[in-house]
């Protein structure tokens, strides 16, 4: 490096410029810019809730979710497994209709609307 100080300085400046350029062009939103059509939901009840009561609550929630016209189907899991650590929690995997067939989107906005599409 001591013999090539000029080249080392150019590489350092180039790295800084590249870092700044990448910072500017890389998307920085909290939500992904793609719409996968899948939503993961979590239901949690008080710790004193029994497994049977949680299954009943989860079933009621599933019925409400399926009433949405944009939902195709869902999977529901209750109890202890790799993701759930207690009996009083449940998970949903909700499948939505394709984006162009949905009646609504989140707050009337979606990534394609921000770009004017």
PDB file of N, CA and C in Angstrom:
ATOM      1  N   UNK A   1       0.807  -1.177   0.000  1.00  0.00           N
ATOM      2  CA  UNK A   1       0.000   0.000   0.000  1.00  0.00           C
ATOM      3  C   UNK A   1       0.863   1.258   0.000  1.00  0.00           C
ATOM      4  N   UNK A   2       1.977   1.198   0.695  1.00  0.00           N
ATOM      5  CA  UNK A   2       2.822   2.400   0.756  1.00  0.00           C
ATOM      6  C   UNK A   2       3.401   2.733  -0.617  1.00  0.00           C
ATOM      7  N   UNK A   3       3.634   1.733  -1.439  1.00  0.00           N
ATOM      8  CA  UNK A   3       4.180   1.988  -2.772  1.00  0.00           C
ATOM      9  C   UNK A   3       3.114   2.481  -3.747  1.00  0.00           C
ATOM     10  N   UNK A   4       1.833   2.212  -3.416  1.00  0.00           N
ATOM     11  CA  UNK A   4       0.730   2.563  -4.315  1.00  0.00           C
ATOM     12  C   UNK A   4      -0.295   3.431  -3.590  1.00  0.00           C
ATOM     13  N   UNK A   5       0.151   4.494  -2.986  1.00  0.00           N
ATOM     14  CA  UNK A   5      -0.742   5.349  -2.202  1.00  0.00           C
ATOM     15  C   UNK A   5      -1.820   5.984  -3.075  1.00  0.00           C
ATOM     16  N   UNK A   6      -1.496   6.416  -4.252  1.00  0.00           N
ATOM     17  CA  UNK A   6      -2.469   7.042  -5.146  1.00  0.00           C
ATOM     18  C   UNK A   6      -3.568   6.074  -5.534  1.00  0.00           C
ATOM     19  N   UNK A   7      -3.178   4.851  -5.901  1.00  0.00           N
ATOM     20  CA  UNK A   7      -4.153   3.832  -6.259  1.00  0.00           C
ATOM     21  C   UNK A   7      -5.028   3.466  -5.059  1.00  0.00           C
ATOM     22  N   UNK A   8      -4.420   3.357  -3.894  1.00  0.00           N
ATOM     23  CA  UNK A   8      -5.168   3.048  -2.680  1.00  0.00           C
ATOM     24  C   UNK A   8      -6.188   4.136  -2.384  1.00  0.00           C
ATOM     25  N   UNK A   9      -5.800   5.397  -2.550  1.00  0.00           N
ATOM     26  CA  UNK A   9      -6.712   6.510  -2.333  1.00  0.00           C
ATOM     27  C   UNK A   9      -7.871   6.472  -3.339  1.00  0.00           C
ATOM     28  N   UNK A  10      -7.578   6.173  -4.604  1.00  0.00           N
ATOM     29  CA  UNK A  10      -8.632   6.073  -5.618  1.00  0.00           C
ATOM     30  C   UNK A  10      -9.613   4.941  -5.303  1.00  0.00           C
ATOM     31  N   UNK A  11      -9.098   3.820  -4.854  1.00  0.00           N
ATOM     32  CA  UNK A  11      -9.966   2.691  -4.489  1.00  0.00           C
ATOM     33  C   UNK A  11     -10.846   3.066  -3.296  1.00  0.00           C
ATOM     34  N   UNK A  12     -10.283   3.757  -2.320  1.00  0.00           N
ATOM     35  CA  UNK A  12     -11.058   4.181  -1.153  1.00  0.00           C
ATOM     36  C   UNK A  12     -12.156   5.161  -1.565  1.00  0.00           C
ATOM     37  N   UNK A  13     -11.843   6.115  -2.412  1.00  0.00           N
ATOM     38  CA  UNK A  13     -12.836   7.085  -2.881  1.00  0.00           C
ATOM     39  C   UNK A  13     -13.901   6.377  -3.721  1.00  0.00           C
ATOM     40  N   UNK A  14     -13.481   5.455  -4.591  1.00  0.00           N
ATOM     41  CA  UNK A  14     -14.427   4.686  -5.402  1.00  0.00           C
ATOM     42  C   UNK A  14     -15.374   3.873  -4.533  1.00  0.00           C
ATOM     43  N   UNK A  15     -14.849   3.277  -3.471  1.00  0.00           N
ATOM     44  CA  UNK A  15     -15.684   2.509  -2.554  1.00  0.00           C
ATOM     45  C   UNK A  15     -16.700   3.410  -1.868  1.00  0.00           C
ATOM     46  N   UNK A  16     -16.285   4.597  -1.460  1.00  0.00           N
ATOM     47  CA  UNK A  16     -17.195   5.551  -0.827  1.00  0.00           C
ATOM     48  C   UNK A  16     -18.293   5.982  -1.804  1.00  0.00           C
ATOM     49  N   UNK A  17     -17.923   6.302  -3.035  1.00  0.00           N
ATOM     50  CA  UNK A  17     -18.897   6.715  -4.047  1.00  0.00           C
ATOM     51  C   UNK A  17     -19.877   5.575  -4.329  1.00  0.00           C
ATOM     52  N   UNK A  18     -19.381   4.349  -4.472  1.00  0.00           N
ATOM     53  CA  UNK A  18     -20.237   3.191  -4.711  1.00  0.00           C
ATOM     54  C   UNK A  18     -21.199   2.975  -3.545  1.00  0.00           C
ATOM     55  N   UNK A  19     -20.721   3.120  -2.321  1.00  0.00           N
ATOM     56  CA  UNK A  19     -21.563   2.959  -1.140  1.00  0.00           C
ATOM     57  C   UNK A  19     -22.688   3.991  -1.130  1.00  0.00           C
ATOM     58  N   UNK A  20     -22.370   5.232  -1.409  1.00  0.00           N
ATOM     59  CA  UNK A  20     -23.385   6.291  -1.443  1.00  0.00           C
ATOM     60  C   UNK A  20     -24.386   6.017  -2.559  1.00  0.00           C
ATOM     61  N   UNK A  21     -23.910   5.630  -3.729  1.00  0.00           N
ATOM     62  CA  UNK A  21     -24.796   5.346  -4.861  1.00  0.00           C
ATOM     63  C   UNK A  21     -25.748   4.198  -4.525  1.00  0.00           C
ATOM     64  N   UNK A  22     -25.233   3.113  -3.924  1.00  0.00           N
ATOM     65  CA  UNK A  22     -26.076   1.987  -3.552  1.00  0.00           C
ATOM     66  C   UNK A  22     -27.092   2.387  -2.480  1.00  0.00           C
ATOM     67  N   UNK A  23     -26.687   3.224  -1.547  1.00  0.00           N
ATOM     68  CA  UNK A  23     -27.604   3.697  -0.515  1.00  0.00           C
ATOM     69  C   UNK A  23     -28.782   4.445  -1.148  1.00  0.00           C
ATOM     70  N   UNK A  24     -28.522   5.206  -2.170  1.00  0.00           N
ATOM     71  CA  UNK A  24     -29.568   5.986  -2.818  1.00  0.00           C
ATOM     72  C   UNK A  24     -30.515   5.100  -3.622  1.00  0.00           C
ATOM     73  N   UNK A  25     -30.015   4.098  -4.342  1.00  0.00           N
ATOM     74  CA  UNK A  25     -30.865   3.329  -5.257  1.00  0.00           C
ATOM     75  C   UNK A  25     -31.558   2.125  -4.627  1.00  0.00           C
ATOM     76  N   UNK A  26     -31.089   1.617  -3.504  1.00  0.00           N
ATOM     77  CA  UNK A  26     -31.689   0.428  -2.896  1.00  0.00           C
ATOM     78  C   UNK A  26     -32.967   0.826  -2.163  1.00  0.00           C
ATOM     79  N   UNK A  27     -34.099   0.099  -2.379  1.00  0.00           N
ATOM     80  CA  UNK A  27     -35.357   0.405  -1.684  1.00  0.00           C
ATOM     81  C   UNK A  27     -35.180   0.288  -0.172  1.00  0.00           C
ATOM     82  N   UNK A  28     -35.840   1.190   0.548  1.00  0.00           N
ATOM     83  CA  UNK A  28     -35.647   1.233   1.993  1.00  0.00           C
ATOM     84  C   UNK A  28     -36.948   1.117   2.779  1.00  0.00           C
ATOM     85  N   UNK A  29     -38.038   0.663   2.183  1.00  0.00           N
ATOM     86  CA  UNK A  29     -39.318   0.581   2.872  1.00  0.00           C
ATOM     87  C   UNK A  29     -39.374  -0.559   3.865  1.00  0.00           C
ATOM     88  N   UNK A  30     -40.280  -0.435   4.830  1.00  0.00           N
ATOM     89  CA  UNK A  30     -40.488  -1.501   5.811  1.00  0.00           C
ATOM     90  C   UNK A  30     -41.171  -2.699   5.163  1.00  0.00           C
ATOM     91  N   UNK A  31     -42.157  -2.442   4.310  1.00  0.00           N
ATOM     92  CA  UNK A  31     -42.874  -3.512   3.640  1.00  0.00           C
ATOM     93  C   UNK A  31     -42.198  -3.842   2.323  1.00  0.00           C
ATOM     94  N   UNK A  32     -42.208  -5.108   1.927  1.00  0.00           N
ATOM     95  CA  UNK A  32     -41.595  -5.456   0.645  1.00  0.00           C
ATOM     96  C   UNK A  32     -42.360  -4.828  -0.516  1.00  0.00           C
ATOM     97  N   UNK A  33     -41.674  -4.559  -1.610  1.00  0.00           N
ATOM     98  CA  UNK A  33     -42.316  -3.924  -2.751  1.00  0.00           C
ATOM     99  C   UNK A  33     -43.116  -4.926  -3.575  1.00  0.00           C
ATOM    100  N   UNK A  34     -42.943  -6.210  -3.365  1.00  0.00           N
ATOM    101  CA  UNK A  34     -43.717  -7.193  -4.092  1.00  0.00           C
ATOM    102  C   UNK A  34     -44.911  -7.632  -3.255  1.00  0.00           C
ATOM    103  N   UNK A  35     -45.971  -8.024  -3.922  1.00  0.00           N
ATOM    104  CA  UNK A  35     -47.182  -8.500  -3.267  1.00  0.00           C
ATOM    105  C   UNK A  35     -47.253 -10.001  -3.493  1.00  0.00           C
ATOM    106  N   UNK A  36     -47.026 -10.778  -2.445  1.00  0.00           N
ATOM    107  CA  UNK A  36     -46.997 -12.230  -2.580  1.00  0.00           C
ATOM    108  C   UNK A  36     -48.382 -12.854  -2.503  1.00  0.00           C
ATOM    109  N   UNK A  37     -49.377 -12.112  -2.024  1.00  0.00           N
ATOM    110  CA  UNK A  37     -50.714 -12.655  -1.885  1.00  0.00           C
ATOM    111  C   UNK A  37     -50.890 -13.523  -0.657  1.00  0.00           C
ATOM    112  N   UNK A  38     -49.918 -13.514   0.245  1.00  0.00           N
ATOM    113  CA  UNK A  38     -50.000 -14.287   1.485  1.00  0.00           C
ATOM    114  C   UNK A  38     -49.856 -13.356   2.683  1.00  0.00           C
ATOM    115  N   UNK A  39     -50.657 -13.620   3.704  1.00  0.00           N
ATOM    116  CA  UNK A  39     -50.573 -12.865   4.955  1.00  0.00           C
ATOM    117  C   UNK A  39     -50.434 -13.870   6.079  1.00  0.00           C
ATOM    118  N   UNK A  40     -49.507 -13.614   6.997  1.00  0.00           N
ATOM    119  CA  UNK A  40     -49.401 -14.419   8.200  1.00  0.00           C
ATOM    120  C   UNK A  40     -50.029 -13.637   9.337  1.00  0.00           C
ATOM    121  N   UNK A  41     -50.916 -14.288  10.066  1.00  0.00           N
ATOM    122  CA  UNK A  41     -51.564 -13.644  11.203  1.00  0.00           C
ATOM    123  C   UNK A  41     -51.317 -14.436  12.471  1.00  0.00           C
ATOM    124  N   UNK A  42     -51.331 -13.726  13.594  1.00  0.00           N
ATOM    125  CA  UNK A  42     -51.119 -14.354  14.894  1.00  0.00           C
ATOM    126  C   UNK A  42     -52.283 -13.977  15.797  1.00  0.00           C
ATOM    127  N   UNK A  43     -52.849 -14.955  16.463  1.00  0.00           N
ATOM    128  CA  UNK A  43     -53.897 -14.724  17.453  1.00  0.00           C
ATOM    129  C   UNK A  43     -53.358 -15.146  18.811  1.00  0.00           C
ATOM    130  N   UNK A  44     -53.596 -14.298  19.807  1.00  0.00           N
ATOM    131  CA  UNK A  44     -53.111 -14.626  21.138  1.00  0.00           C
ATOM    132  C   UNK A  44     -54.212 -14.320  22.145  1.00  0.00           C
ATOM    133  N   UNK A  45     -54.457 -15.248  23.024  1.00  0.00           N
ATOM    134  CA  UNK A  45     -55.470 -15.110  24.064  1.00  0.00           C
ATOM    135  C   UNK A  45     -54.760 -15.050  25.422  1.00  0.00           C
ATOM    136  N   UNK A  46     -55.502 -14.734  26.488  1.00  0.00           N
ATOM    137  CA  UNK A  46     -54.883 -14.742  27.829  1.00  0.00           C
ATOM    138  C   UNK A  46     -54.252 -16.107  28.133  1.00  0.00           C
ATOM    139  N   UNK A  47     -53.234 -16.116  28.963  1.00  0.00           N
ATOM    140  CA  UNK A  47     -52.520 -17.362  29.265  1.00  0.00           C
ATOM    141  C   UNK A  47     -53.409 -18.409  29.922  1.00  0.00           C
ATOM    142  N   UNK A  48     -54.474 -17.979  30.564  1.00  0.00           N
ATOM    143  CA  UNK A  48     -55.367 -18.926  31.235  1.00  0.00           C
ATOM    144  C   UNK A  48     -56.307 -19.637  30.261  1.00  0.00           C
ATOM    145  N   UNK A  49     -56.247 -19.298  28.979  1.00  0.00           N
ATOM    146  CA  UNK A  49     -57.123 -19.897  27.977  1.00  0.00           C
ATOM    147  C   UNK A  49     -56.719 -21.348  27.716  1.00  0.00           C
ATOM    148  N   UNK A  50     -57.696 -22.235  27.759  1.00  0.00           N
ATOM    149  CA  UNK A  50     -57.415 -23.651  27.513  1.00  0.00           C
ATOM    150  C   UNK A  50     -57.257 -23.891  26.015  1.00  0.00           C
ATOM    151  N   UNK A  51     -56.739 -25.067  25.679  1.00  0.00           N
ATOM    152  CA  UNK A  51     -56.566 -25.430  24.272  1.00  0.00           C
ATOM    153  C   UNK A  51     -57.916 -25.449  23.560  1.00  0.00           C
ATOM    154  N   UNK A  52     -58.917 -26.058  24.181  1.00  0.00           N
ATOM    155  CA  UNK A  52     -60.248 -26.142  23.579  1.00  0.00           C
ATOM    156  C   UNK A  52     -60.849 -24.761  23.323  1.00  0.00           C
ATOM    157  N   UNK A  53     -60.701 -23.856  24.293  1.00  0.00           N
ATOM    158  CA  UNK A  53     -61.217 -22.494  24.129  1.00  0.00           C
ATOM    159  C   UNK A  53     -60.464 -21.759  23.024  1.00  0.00           C
ATOM    160  N   UNK A  54     -59.173 -22.013  22.931  1.00  0.00           N
ATOM    161  CA  UNK A  54     -58.378 -21.354  21.893  1.00  0.00           C
ATOM    162  C   UNK A  54     -58.763 -21.862  20.517  1.00  0.00           C
ATOM    163  N   UNK A  55     -59.043 -23.155  20.396  1.00  0.00           N
ATOM    164  CA  UNK A  55     -59.489 -23.719  19.120  1.00  0.00           C
ATOM    165  C   UNK A  55     -60.807 -23.069  18.710  1.00  0.00           C
ATOM    166  N   UNK A  56     -61.701 -22.888  19.669  1.00  0.00           N
ATOM    167  CA  UNK A  56     -62.989 -22.251  19.382  1.00  0.00           C
ATOM    168  C   UNK A  56     -62.779 -20.799  18.929  1.00  0.00           C
ATOM    169  N   UNK A  57     -61.954 -20.052  19.641  1.00  0.00           N
ATOM    170  CA  UNK A  57     -61.669 -18.657  19.261  1.00  0.00           C
ATOM    171  C   UNK A  57     -61.024 -18.583  17.885  1.00  0.00           C
ATOM    172  N   UNK A  58     -60.086 -19.471  17.646  1.00  0.00           N
ATOM    173  CA  UNK A  58     -59.390 -19.490  16.343  1.00  0.00           C
ATOM    174  C   UNK A  58     -60.375 -19.787  15.214  1.00  0.00           C
ATOM    175  N   UNK A  59     -61.306 -20.692  15.467  1.00  0.00           N
ATOM    176  CA  UNK A  59     -62.322 -21.010  14.473  1.00  0.00           C
ATOM    177  C   UNK A  59     -63.218 -19.816  14.169  1.00  0.00           C
ATOM    178  N   UNK A  60     -63.586 -19.066  15.216  1.00  0.00           N
ATOM    179  CA  UNK A  60     -64.403 -17.868  15.022  1.00  0.00           C
ATOM    180  C   UNK A  60     -63.641 -16.812  14.211  1.00  0.00           C
ATOM    181  N   UNK A  61     -62.369 -16.651  14.530  1.00  0.00           N
ATOM    182  CA  UNK A  61     -61.545 -15.708  13.758  1.00  0.00           C
ATOM    183  C   UNK A  61     -61.437 -16.146  12.297  1.00  0.00           C
ATOM    184  N   UNK A  62     -61.261 -17.431  12.084  1.00  0.00           N
ATOM    185  CA  UNK A  62     -61.147 -17.944  10.714  1.00  0.00           C
ATOM    186  C   UNK A  62     -62.421 -17.661   9.925  1.00  0.00           C
ATOM    187  N   UNK A  63     -63.584 -17.842  10.551  1.00  0.00           N
ATOM    188  CA  UNK A  63     -64.853 -17.547   9.867  1.00  0.00           C
ATOM    189  C   UNK A  63     -64.926 -16.078   9.472  1.00  0.00           C
ATOM    190  N   UNK A  64     -64.498 -15.188  10.369  1.00  0.00           N
ATOM    191  CA  UNK A  64     -64.518 -13.746  10.070  1.00  0.00           C
ATOM    192  C   UNK A  64     -63.571 -13.415   8.921  1.00  0.00           C
ATOM    193  N   UNK A  65     -62.388 -13.994   8.945  1.00  0.00           N
ATOM    194  CA  UNK A  65     -61.399 -13.722   7.888  1.00  0.00           C
ATOM    195  C   UNK A  65     -61.911 -14.215   6.539  1.00  0.00           C
ATOM    196  N   UNK A  66     -62.540 -15.391   6.528  1.00  0.00           N
ATOM    197  CA  UNK A  66     -63.048 -15.960   5.275  1.00  0.00           C
ATOM    198  C   UNK A  66     -64.225 -15.182   4.698  1.00  0.00           C
ATOM    199  N   UNK A  67     -64.829 -14.311   5.476  1.00  0.00           N
ATOM    200  CA  UNK A  67     -65.909 -13.460   4.971  1.00  0.00           C
ATOM    201  C   UNK A  67     -65.387 -12.367   4.050  1.00  0.00           C
ATOM    202  N   UNK A  68     -64.111 -12.076   4.117  1.00  0.00           N
ATOM    203  CA  UNK A  68     -63.522 -11.063   3.238  1.00  0.00           C
ATOM    204  C   UNK A  68     -63.516 -11.587   1.807  1.00  0.00           C
ATOM    205  N   UNK A  69     -64.024 -10.796   0.881  1.00  0.00           N
ATOM    206  CA  UNK A  69     -64.140 -11.226  -0.514  1.00  0.00           C
ATOM    207  C   UNK A  69     -62.784 -11.435  -1.183  1.00  0.00           C
ATOM    208  N   UNK A  70     -61.734 -10.845  -0.658  1.00  0.00           N
ATOM    209  CA  UNK A  70     -60.412 -10.960  -1.268  1.00  0.00           C
ATOM    210  C   UNK A  70     -59.628 -12.173  -0.773  1.00  0.00           C
ATOM    211  N   UNK A  71     -60.174 -12.906   0.197  1.00  0.00           N
ATOM    212  CA  UNK A  71     -59.497 -14.083   0.752  1.00  0.00           C
ATOM    213  C   UNK A  71     -59.962 -15.328   0.013  1.00  0.00           C
ATOM    214  N   UNK A  72     -59.009 -16.115  -0.482  1.00  0.00           N
ATOM    215  CA  UNK A  72     -59.336 -17.385  -1.144  1.00  0.00           C
ATOM    216  C   UNK A  72     -59.505 -18.481  -0.099  1.00  0.00           C
ATOM    217  N   UNK A  73     -58.507 -18.653   0.757  1.00  0.00           N
ATOM    218  CA  UNK A  73     -58.560 -19.671   1.797  1.00  0.00           C
ATOM    219  C   UNK A  73     -57.558 -19.335   2.882  1.00  0.00           C
ATOM    220  N   UNK A  74     -57.554 -20.151   3.931  1.00  0.00           N
ATOM    221  CA  UNK A  74     -56.579 -19.949   4.996  1.00  0.00           C
ATOM    222  C   UNK A  74     -56.255 -21.259   5.666  1.00  0.00           C
ATOM    223  N   UNK A  75     -55.111 -21.277   6.307  1.00  0.00           N
ATOM    224  CA  UNK A  75     -54.707 -22.398   7.152  1.00  0.00           C
ATOM    225  C   UNK A  75     -54.617 -21.864   8.570  1.00  0.00           C
ATOM    226  N   UNK A  76     -55.008 -22.681   9.521  1.00  0.00           N
ATOM    227  CA  UNK A  76     -55.042 -22.243  10.909  1.00  0.00           C
ATOM    228  C   UNK A  76     -54.341 -23.279  11.776  1.00  0.00           C
ATOM    229  N   UNK A  77     -53.494 -22.811  12.679  1.00  0.00           N
ATOM    230  CA  UNK A  77     -52.756 -23.690  13.581  1.00  0.00           C
ATOM    231  C   UNK A  77     -52.919 -23.172  15.004  1.00  0.00           C
ATOM    232  N   UNK A  78     -53.188 -24.071  15.940  1.00  0.00           N
ATOM    233  CA  UNK A  78     -53.339 -23.708  17.345  1.00  0.00           C
ATOM    234  C   UNK A  78     -52.445 -24.616  18.174  1.00  0.00           C
ATOM    235  N   UNK A  79     -51.850 -24.059  19.212  1.00  0.00           N
ATOM    236  CA  UNK A  79     -51.090 -24.862  20.155  1.00  0.00           C
ATOM    237  C   UNK A  79     -49.595 -24.777  19.955  1.00  0.00           C
ATOM    238  N   UNK A  80     -48.902 -25.649  20.636  1.00  0.00           N
ATOM    239  CA  UNK A  80     -47.450 -25.631  20.669  1.00  0.00           C
ATOM    240  C   UNK A  80     -46.879 -26.336  19.446  1.00  0.00           C
ATOM    241  N   UNK A  81     -45.981 -25.648  18.759  1.00  0.00           N
ATOM    242  CA  UNK A  81     -45.224 -26.240  17.657  1.00  0.00           C
ATOM    243  C   UNK A  81     -43.927 -25.455  17.531  1.00  0.00           C
ATOM    244  N   UNK A  82     -43.295 -25.503  16.388  1.00  0.00           N
ATOM    245  CA  UNK A  82     -42.019 -24.811  16.209  1.00  0.00           C
ATOM    246  C   UNK A  82     -42.115 -23.303  16.363  1.00  0.00           C
ATOM    247  N   UNK A  83     -43.266 -22.703  15.991  1.00  0.00           N
ATOM    248  CA  UNK A  83     -43.435 -21.255  16.078  1.00  0.00           C
ATOM    249  C   UNK A  83     -44.186 -20.830  17.330  1.00  0.00           C
ATOM    250  N   UNK A  84     -45.216 -21.572  17.672  1.00  0.00           N
ATOM    251  CA  UNK A  84     -46.012 -21.261  18.862  1.00  0.00           C
ATOM    252  C   UNK A  84     -45.393 -21.951  20.066  1.00  0.00           C
ATOM    253  N   UNK A  85     -45.210 -21.182  21.118  1.00  0.00           N
ATOM    254  CA  UNK A  85     -44.582 -21.759  22.311  1.00  0.00           C
ATOM    255  C   UNK A  85     -45.578 -21.999  23.438  1.00  0.00           C
ATOM    256  N   UNK A  86     -46.836 -21.567  23.261  1.00  0.00           N
ATOM    257  CA  UNK A  86     -47.848 -21.752  24.286  1.00  0.00           C
ATOM    258  C   UNK A  86     -49.165 -22.205  23.647  1.00  0.00           C
ATOM    259  N   UNK A  87     -50.053 -22.759  24.477  1.00  0.00           N
ATOM    260  CA  UNK A  87     -51.352 -23.215  23.987  1.00  0.00           C
ATOM    261  C   UNK A  87     -52.296 -22.063  23.676  1.00  0.00           C
ATOM    262  N   UNK A  88     -52.020 -20.879  24.193  1.00  0.00           N
ATOM    263  CA  UNK A  88     -52.942 -19.759  24.023  1.00  0.00           C
ATOM    264  C   UNK A  88     -52.623 -18.903  22.798  1.00  0.00           C
ATOM    265  N   UNK A  89     -51.889 -19.451  21.854  1.00  0.00           N
ATOM    266  CA  UNK A  89     -51.600 -18.695  20.632  1.00  0.00           C
ATOM    267  C   UNK A  89     -51.913 -19.551  19.411  1.00  0.00           C
ATOM    268  N   UNK A  90     -52.248 -18.857  18.345  1.00  0.00           N
ATOM    269  CA  UNK A  90     -52.565 -19.526  17.100  1.00  0.00           C
ATOM    270  C   UNK A  90     -52.024 -18.730  15.929  1.00  0.00           C
ATOM    271  N   UNK A  91     -51.901 -19.372  14.800  1.00  0.00           N
ATOM    272  CA  UNK A  91     -51.372 -18.705  13.603  1.00  0.00           C
ATOM    273  C   UNK A  91     -52.286 -18.976  12.420  1.00  0.00           C
ATOM    274  N   UNK A  92     -52.315 -17.988  11.515  1.00  0.00           N
ATOM    275  CA  UNK A  92     -53.059 -18.094  10.271  1.00  0.00           C
ATOM    276  C   UNK A  92     -52.100 -17.890   9.113  1.00  0.00           C
ATOM    277  N   UNK A  93     -52.325 -18.605   8.043  1.00  0.00           N
ATOM    278  CA  UNK A  93     -51.683 -18.334   6.768  1.00  0.00           C
ATOM    279  C   UNK A  93     -52.825 -18.092   5.792  1.00  0.00           C
ATOM    280  N   UNK A  94     -52.969 -16.816   5.380  1.00  0.00           N
ATOM    281  CA  UNK A  94     -54.121 -16.385   4.592  1.00  0.00           C
ATOM    282  C   UNK A  94     -53.697 -16.197   3.146  1.00  0.00           C
ATOM    283  N   UNK A  95     -54.410 -16.843   2.229  1.00  0.00           N
ATOM    284  CA  UNK A  95     -54.140 -16.706   0.790  1.00  0.00           C
ATOM    285  C   UNK A  95     -55.140 -15.718   0.199  1.00  0.00           C
ATOM    286  N   UNK A  96     -54.616 -14.719  -0.526  1.00  0.00           N
ATOM    287  CA  UNK A  96     -55.455 -13.710  -1.157  1.00  0.00           C
ATOM    288  C   UNK A  96     -55.614 -13.988  -2.644  1.00  0.00           C
ATOM    289  N   UNK A  97     -56.649 -13.415  -3.222  1.00  0.00           N
ATOM    290  CA  UNK A  97     -56.838 -13.484  -4.668  1.00  0.00           C
ATOM    291  C   UNK A  97     -55.672 -12.769  -5.343  1.00  0.00           C
ATOM    292  N   UNK A  98     -55.435 -13.033  -6.618  1.00  0.00           N
ATOM    293  CA  UNK A  98     -54.396 -12.273  -7.326  1.00  0.00           C
ATOM    294  C   UNK A  98     -54.658 -10.771  -7.216  1.00  0.00           C
ATOM    295  N   UNK A  99     -53.602  -9.999  -7.212  1.00  0.00           N
ATOM    296  CA  UNK A  99     -53.678  -8.557  -6.961  1.00  0.00           C
ATOM    297  C   UNK A  99     -54.698  -7.850  -7.844  1.00  0.00           C
ATOM    298  N   UNK A 100     -54.742  -8.189  -9.111  1.00  0.00           N
ATOM    299  CA  UNK A 100     -55.654  -7.493 -10.032  1.00  0.00           C
ATOM    300  C   UNK A 100     -57.118  -7.907  -9.865  1.00  0.00           C
ATOM    301  N   UNK A 101     -57.403  -8.941  -9.066  1.00  0.00           N
ATOM    302  CA  UNK A 101     -58.776  -9.383  -8.843  1.00  0.00           C
ATOM    303  C   UNK A 101     -59.324  -8.957  -7.480  1.00  0.00           C
ATOM    304  N   UNK A 102     -58.513  -8.291  -6.681  1.00  0.00           N
ATOM    305  CA  UNK A 102     -58.948  -7.889  -5.340  1.00  0.00           C
ATOM    306  C   UNK A 102     -59.817  -6.647  -5.382  1.00  0.00           C
ATOM    307  N   UNK A 103     -60.785  -6.610  -4.469  1.00  0.00           N
ATOM    308  CA  UNK A 103     -61.669  -5.455  -4.373  1.00  0.00           C
ATOM    309  C   UNK A 103     -61.011  -4.317  -3.596  1.00  0.00           C
ATOM    310  N   UNK A 104     -60.167  -4.657  -2.622  1.00  0.00           N
ATOM    311  CA  UNK A 104     -59.528  -3.649  -1.782  1.00  0.00           C
ATOM    312  C   UNK A 104     -58.053  -3.963  -1.638  1.00  0.00           C
ATOM    313  N   UNK A 105     -57.302  -2.941  -1.227  1.00  0.00           N
ATOM    314  CA  UNK A 105     -55.913  -3.143  -0.830  1.00  0.00           C
ATOM    315  C   UNK A 105     -55.675  -2.335   0.431  1.00  0.00           C
ATOM    316  N   UNK A 106     -54.522  -2.412   0.989  1.00  0.00           N
ATOM    317  CA  UNK A 106     -54.232  -1.769   2.260  1.00  0.00           C
ATOM    318  C   UNK A 106     -54.365  -0.257   2.126  1.00  0.00           C
ATOM    319  N   UNK A 107     -55.311   0.322   2.832  1.00  0.00           N
ATOM    320  CA  UNK A 107     -55.546   1.773   2.864  1.00  0.00           C
ATOM    321  C   UNK A 107     -55.695   2.377   1.472  1.00  0.00           C
ATOM    322  N   UNK A 108     -56.102   1.578   0.510  1.00  0.00           N
ATOM    323  CA  UNK A 108     -56.262   2.096  -0.841  1.00  0.00           C
ATOM    324  C   UNK A 108     -54.950   2.312  -1.564  1.00  0.00           C
ATOM    325  N   UNK A 109     -53.847   1.867  -0.965  1.00  0.00           N
ATOM    326  CA  UNK A 109     -52.532   2.065  -1.577  1.00  0.00           C
ATOM    327  C   UNK A 109     -51.852   0.725  -1.755  1.00  0.00           C
ATOM    328  N   UNK A 110     -51.090   0.613  -2.796  1.00  0.00           N
ATOM    329  CA  UNK A 110     -50.239  -0.548  -2.990  1.00  0.00           C
ATOM    330  C   UNK A 110     -48.988  -0.071  -3.716  1.00  0.00           C
ATOM    331  N   UNK A 111     -47.908  -0.831  -3.673  1.00  0.00           N
ATOM    332  CA  UNK A 111     -46.658  -0.368  -4.281  1.00  0.00           C
ATOM    333  C   UNK A 111     -46.807   0.062  -5.732  1.00  0.00           C
ATOM    334  N   UNK A 112     -47.651  -0.638  -6.514  1.00  0.00           N
ATOM    335  CA  UNK A 112     -47.766  -0.269  -7.926  1.00  0.00           C
ATOM    336  C   UNK A 112     -48.441   1.093  -8.080  1.00  0.00           C
ATOM    337  N   UNK A 113     -49.321   1.475  -7.118  1.00  0.00           N
ATOM    338  CA  UNK A 113     -49.973   2.785  -7.193  1.00  0.00           C
ATOM    339  C   UNK A 113     -48.997   3.914  -6.928  1.00  0.00           C
ATOM    340  N   UNK A 114     -47.972   3.691  -6.124  1.00  0.00           N
ATOM    341  CA  UNK A 114     -47.004   4.735  -5.827  1.00  0.00           C
ATOM    342  C   UNK A 114     -46.197   5.103  -7.051  1.00  0.00           C
ATOM    343  N   UNK A 115     -46.029   4.162  -7.944  1.00  0.00           N
ATOM    344  CA  UNK A 115     -45.235   4.424  -9.141  1.00  0.00           C
ATOM    345  C   UNK A 115     -46.098   4.937 -10.283  1.00  0.00           C
ATOM    346  N   UNK A 116     -47.393   5.126 -10.037  1.00  0.00           N
ATOM    347  CA  UNK A 116     -48.278   5.629 -11.068  1.00  0.00           C
ATOM    348  C   UNK A 116     -48.826   4.548 -11.979  1.00  0.00           C
ATOM    349  N   UNK A 117     -48.685   3.270 -11.615  1.00  0.00           N
ATOM    350  CA  UNK A 117     -49.194   2.162 -12.448  1.00  0.00           C
ATOM    351  C   UNK A 117     -50.603   1.810 -12.036  1.00  0.00           C
TER     352      UNK A 117
END
